[in-house]
Amino acid sequence: MTGAGATYLFGVYSKHIKATLGYDQSTLNLLRTCKDLEANVGVLSGLLAEVTPAWFVLLIGSAMNFAGYFLIWLAVCGKIPKPKVWQMCLYICVGANSQKFANTGALVTCVKAEESCLDS
């Protein structure tokens, strides 16, 4: 969970996004809304957990985490051309939603282990 890109850290790095990409506060609020929206939608991870093993859900979550937050890092560091606002929203949505995959992978594993203990 340490590497799951905890969404509550947005306040720590948002000032860097604002300064380096030249965003105003309303654009930053839009990014925050995208982050909050995706951080609270875990339907896809739950559906995936129903048909795949937990390690696959965690793998998908790890890939999403890396892709989303890495692209944000590249943009802030100037390693890629300045992305449009919709692209930054997409990056942060992917990164924030990855936390739901980590939560689902851990929770489903614990619930299945508890069920097997109770069945015994």
Protein backbone atom coordinates (compact mmCIF):
# COMPACT_ATOMS: atom_id res chain seq x y z
CA MET A 1 0.00 0.00 0.00
CA THR A 2 2.96 2.32 0.49
CA GLY A 3 3.57 2.44 -3.24
CA ALA A 4 -0.09 2.61 -4.23
CA GLY A 5 0.01 6.36 -4.80
CA ALA A 6 -2.11 7.46 -1.88
CA THR A 7 -4.43 10.10 -3.24
CA TYR A 8 -4.36 12.17 -0.07
CA LEU A 9 -0.81 13.28 -0.99
CA PHE A 10 -2.13 15.49 -3.82
CA GLY A 11 -1.65 18.57 -1.64
CA VAL A 12 2.07 17.81 -1.39
CA TYR A 13 2.78 17.73 -5.11
CA SER A 14 -0.02 19.94 -6.46
CA LYS A 15 1.98 23.12 -5.85
CA HIS A 16 4.72 21.73 -8.12
CA ILE A 17 2.19 20.91 -10.83
CA LYS A 18 0.75 24.41 -10.55
CA ALA A 19 4.14 26.13 -10.68
CA THR A 20 5.86 24.11 -13.40
CA LEU A 21 2.91 23.73 -15.75
CA GLY A 22 1.57 27.25 -15.21
CA TYR A 23 -1.87 26.18 -14.03
CA ASP A 24 -4.20 28.51 -12.19
CA GLN A 25 -6.17 27.44 -9.13
CA SER A 26 -9.30 26.53 -11.11
CA THR A 27 -7.29 24.14 -13.31
CA LEU A 28 -5.73 22.62 -10.23
CA ASN A 29 -9.23 22.19 -8.77
CA LEU A 30 -10.25 20.36 -11.95
CA LEU A 31 -7.30 17.98 -11.50
CA ARG A 32 -8.27 17.46 -7.87
CA THR A 33 -11.83 16.63 -8.94
CA CYS A 34 -10.58 14.08 -11.47
CA LYS A 35 -8.38 12.55 -8.79
CA ASP A 36 -11.22 12.37 -6.28
CA LEU A 37 -13.64 10.94 -8.82
CA GLU A 38 -11.35 8.09 -9.82
CA ALA A 39 -10.14 7.49 -6.28
CA ASN A 40 -13.71 6.61 -5.31
CA VAL A 41 -14.67 4.42 -8.27
CA GLY A 42 -13.61 0.83 -7.75
CA VAL A 43 -16.11 -0.99 -9.92
CA LEU A 44 -13.64 -2.12 -12.58
CA SER A 45 -11.22 -3.57 -10.03
CA GLY A 46 -14.05 -5.41 -8.30
CA LEU A 47 -15.33 -6.90 -11.54
CA LEU A 48 -11.82 -7.92 -12.51
CA ALA A 49 -11.31 -9.54 -9.10
CA GLU A 50 -14.34 -11.75 -9.74
CA VAL A 51 -12.81 -13.38 -12.81
CA THR A 52 -9.03 -13.20 -12.23
CA PRO A 53 -6.67 -14.07 -9.38
CA ALA A 54 -5.66 -11.38 -6.90
CA TRP A 55 -2.10 -11.20 -8.24
CA PHE A 56 -3.47 -10.12 -11.63
CA VAL A 57 -5.57 -7.36 -10.07
CA LEU A 58 -2.49 -6.16 -8.20
CA LEU A 59 -0.41 -6.33 -11.37
CA ILE A 60 -2.91 -4.20 -13.29
CA GLY A 61 -3.04 -1.75 -10.39
CA SER A 62 0.75 -1.53 -10.29
CA ALA A 63 0.92 -0.84 -14.02
CA MET A 64 -1.77 1.85 -13.75
CA ASN A 65 0.00 3.41 -10.77
CA PHE A 66 3.30 3.56 -12.58
CA ALA A 67 1.81 4.87 -15.82
CA GLY A 68 -0.32 7.57 -14.25
CA TYR A 69 2.11 8.98 -11.70
CA PHE A 70 5.15 8.52 -13.94
CA LEU A 71 3.55 10.60 -16.68
CA ILE A 72 2.73 13.30 -14.12
CA TRP A 73 6.34 13.22 -12.94
CA LEU A 74 7.63 13.45 -16.52
CA ALA A 75 5.40 16.46 -17.17
CA VAL A 76 6.42 18.27 -13.98
CA CYS A 77 10.12 17.62 -14.62
CA GLY A 78 9.81 18.85 -18.21
CA LYS A 79 10.88 15.51 -19.69
CA ILE A 80 7.87 15.50 -22.02
CA PRO A 81 6.13 18.41 -23.75
CA LYS A 82 3.62 20.22 -21.57
CA PRO A 83 0.47 18.08 -21.64
CA LYS A 84 -2.95 19.54 -22.21
CA VAL A 85 -5.22 19.75 -19.17
CA TRP A 86 -7.34 16.81 -20.32
CA GLN A 87 -4.18 14.70 -20.56
CA MET A 88 -3.17 15.61 -17.01
CA CYS A 89 -6.70 14.73 -15.90
CA LEU A 90 -6.32 11.36 -17.60
CA TYR A 91 -2.91 10.77 -15.98
CA ILE A 92 -4.20 11.55 -12.53
CA CYS A 93 -7.36 9.48 -13.08
CA VAL A 94 -5.28 6.44 -14.01
CA GLY A 95 -2.91 6.94 -11.09
CA ALA A 96 -5.69 7.52 -8.56
CA ASN A 97 -7.76 4.57 -9.75
CA SER A 98 -4.77 2.29 -9.27
CA GLN A 99 -5.22 2.61 -5.52
CA LYS A 100 -8.58 0.86 -5.83
CA PHE A 101 -6.86 -2.07 -7.53
CA ALA A 102 -4.41 -2.34 -4.63
CA ASN A 103 -7.25 -2.14 -2.10
CA THR A 104 -9.33 -4.70 -3.97
CA GLY A 105 -6.44 -7.14 -4.37
CA ALA A 106 -5.65 -6.98 -0.67
CA LEU A 107 -9.26 -7.06 0.53
CA VAL A 108 -10.39 -9.92 -1.69
CA THR A 109 -7.41 -12.01 -0.61
CA CYS A 110 -8.20 -11.39 3.07
CA VAL A 111 -11.91 -12.15 2.66
CA LYS A 112 -11.21 -15.39 0.77
CA ALA A 113 -8.71 -16.44 3.45
CA GLU A 114 -11.27 -15.72 6.17
CA GLU A 115 -13.94 -17.69 4.33
CA SER A 116 -11.67 -20.70 4.02
CA CYS A 117 -10.90 -20.52 7.76
CA LEU A 118 -14.58 -20.38 8.63
CA ASP A 119 -15.40 -23.27 6.29
CA SER A 120 -12.83 -25.48 8.01
